[in-house]
Amino acid sequence: MADLLVHGVNDKLVQTLKKRAGANGCSAEAEHWAILAAPLMKPPRRKLAELLASIPDKGLD
């Protein structure tokens, strides 16, 4: 597993991360990982054109 180092993080942001981690009962590192993973591990959103194209053609209304 790779390491990720983030430079220049605002002190207020770090304190907020630590508070959030404490509220969730985990370490700041675990909370940081969860915050990063949540949006990155979701399947990509489909474009409206793709959704419309996937609707089966049922003939005339």
C-alpha atoms as a PDB file:
ATOM      1  CA  MET A   1       0.000   0.000   0.000  1.00  0.00           C
ATOM      2  CA  ALA A   2       1.344   3.442  -0.926  1.00  0.00           C
ATOM      3  CA  ASP A   3       1.726   6.420   1.396  1.00  0.00           C
ATOM      4  CA  LEU A   4       0.227   9.820   0.704  1.00  0.00           C
ATOM      5  CA  LEU A   5       1.727  12.967   2.194  1.00  0.00           C
ATOM      6  CA  VAL A   6      -0.208  16.229   1.998  1.00  0.00           C
ATOM      7  CA  HIS A   7       1.744  19.467   2.521  1.00  0.00           C
ATOM      8  CA  GLY A   8       0.434  22.851   3.594  1.00  0.00           C
ATOM      9  CA  VAL A   9      -2.830  21.750   5.184  1.00  0.00           C
ATOM     10  CA  ASN A  10      -4.557  24.545   7.098  1.00  0.00           C
ATOM     11  CA  ASP A  11      -4.436  24.064  10.899  1.00  0.00           C
ATOM     12  CA  LYS A  12      -8.206  24.593  11.169  1.00  0.00           C
ATOM     13  CA  LEU A  13      -8.778  21.842   8.635  1.00  0.00           C
ATOM     14  CA  VAL A  14      -6.540  19.470  10.593  1.00  0.00           C
ATOM     15  CA  GLN A  15      -8.396  20.225  13.840  1.00  0.00           C
ATOM     16  CA  THR A  16     -11.735  19.674  12.112  1.00  0.00           C
ATOM     17  CA  LEU A  17     -10.481  16.352  10.748  1.00  0.00           C
ATOM     18  CA  LYS A  18      -9.385  15.266  14.235  1.00  0.00           C
ATOM     19  CA  LYS A  19     -12.743  16.260  15.752  1.00  0.00           C
ATOM     20  CA  ARG A  20     -14.615  14.393  13.044  1.00  0.00           C
ATOM     21  CA  ALA A  21     -12.419  11.331  13.570  1.00  0.00           C
ATOM     22  CA  GLY A  22     -13.067  11.438  17.307  1.00  0.00           C
ATOM     23  CA  ALA A  23     -16.809  11.731  16.741  1.00  0.00           C
ATOM     24  CA  ASN A  24     -16.639   8.689  14.454  1.00  0.00           C
ATOM     25  CA  GLY A  25     -14.470   6.743  16.896  1.00  0.00           C
ATOM     26  CA  CYS A  26     -11.466   6.382  14.618  1.00  0.00           C
ATOM     27  CA  SER A  27      -8.022   7.850  14.050  1.00  0.00           C
ATOM     28  CA  ALA A  28      -7.425  10.964  11.974  1.00  0.00           C
ATOM     29  CA  GLU A  29      -5.656   8.750   9.429  1.00  0.00           C
ATOM     30  CA  ALA A  30      -8.661   6.423   9.144  1.00  0.00           C
ATOM     31  CA  GLU A  31     -11.006   9.397   8.792  1.00  0.00           C
ATOM     32  CA  HIS A  32      -8.769  10.926   6.128  1.00  0.00           C
ATOM     33  CA  TRP A  33      -8.771   7.631   4.236  1.00  0.00           C
ATOM     34  CA  ALA A  34     -12.583   7.390   4.448  1.00  0.00           C
ATOM     35  CA  ILE A  35     -13.019  10.950   3.184  1.00  0.00           C
ATOM     36  CA  LEU A  36     -10.743  10.280   0.214  1.00  0.00           C
ATOM     37  CA  ALA A  37     -12.174   6.862  -0.582  1.00  0.00           C
ATOM     38  CA  ALA A  38     -15.880   7.765  -0.476  1.00  0.00           C
ATOM     39  CA  PRO A  39     -16.084   9.736  -3.738  1.00  0.00           C
ATOM     40  CA  LEU A  40     -13.203   7.973  -5.468  1.00  0.00           C
ATOM     41  CA  MET A  41     -14.522   4.426  -5.057  1.00  0.00           C
ATOM     42  CA  LYS A  42     -18.057   5.165  -6.313  1.00  0.00           C
ATOM     43  CA  PRO A  43     -18.879   4.048  -9.839  1.00  0.00           C
ATOM     44  CA  PRO A  44     -18.653   6.964 -12.270  1.00  0.00           C
ATOM     45  CA  ARG A  45     -21.843   8.921 -12.863  1.00  0.00           C
ATOM     46  CA  ARG A  46     -23.519   8.300 -16.187  1.00  0.00           C
ATOM     47  CA  LYS A  47     -24.207  11.212 -18.492  1.00  0.00           C
ATOM     48  CA  LEU A  48     -27.801  12.171 -19.230  1.00  0.00           C
ATOM     49  CA  ALA A  49     -27.350  11.239 -22.889  1.00  0.00           C
ATOM     50  CA  GLU A  50     -26.256   7.716 -21.869  1.00  0.00           C
ATOM     51  CA  LEU A  51     -29.268   7.333 -19.562  1.00  0.00           C
ATOM     52  CA  LEU A  52     -31.683   8.510 -22.242  1.00  0.00           C
ATOM     53  CA  ALA A  53     -30.089   6.210 -24.825  1.00  0.00           C
ATOM     54  CA  SER A  54     -30.531   3.243 -22.465  1.00  0.00           C
ATOM     55  CA  ILE A  55     -34.322   3.669 -22.317  1.00  0.00           C
ATOM     56  CA  PRO A  56     -35.885   0.938 -24.477  1.00  0.00           C
ATOM     57  CA  ASP A  57     -37.917   2.067 -27.500  1.00  0.00           C
ATOM     58  CA  LYS A  58     -41.543   1.085 -26.868  1.00  0.00           C
ATOM     59  CA  GLY A  59     -42.969   2.628 -30.008  1.00  0.00           C
ATOM     60  CA  LEU A  60     -45.308   5.611 -30.293  1.00  0.00           C
ATOM     61  CA  ASP A  61     -47.039   7.062 -27.250  1.00  0.00           C
END
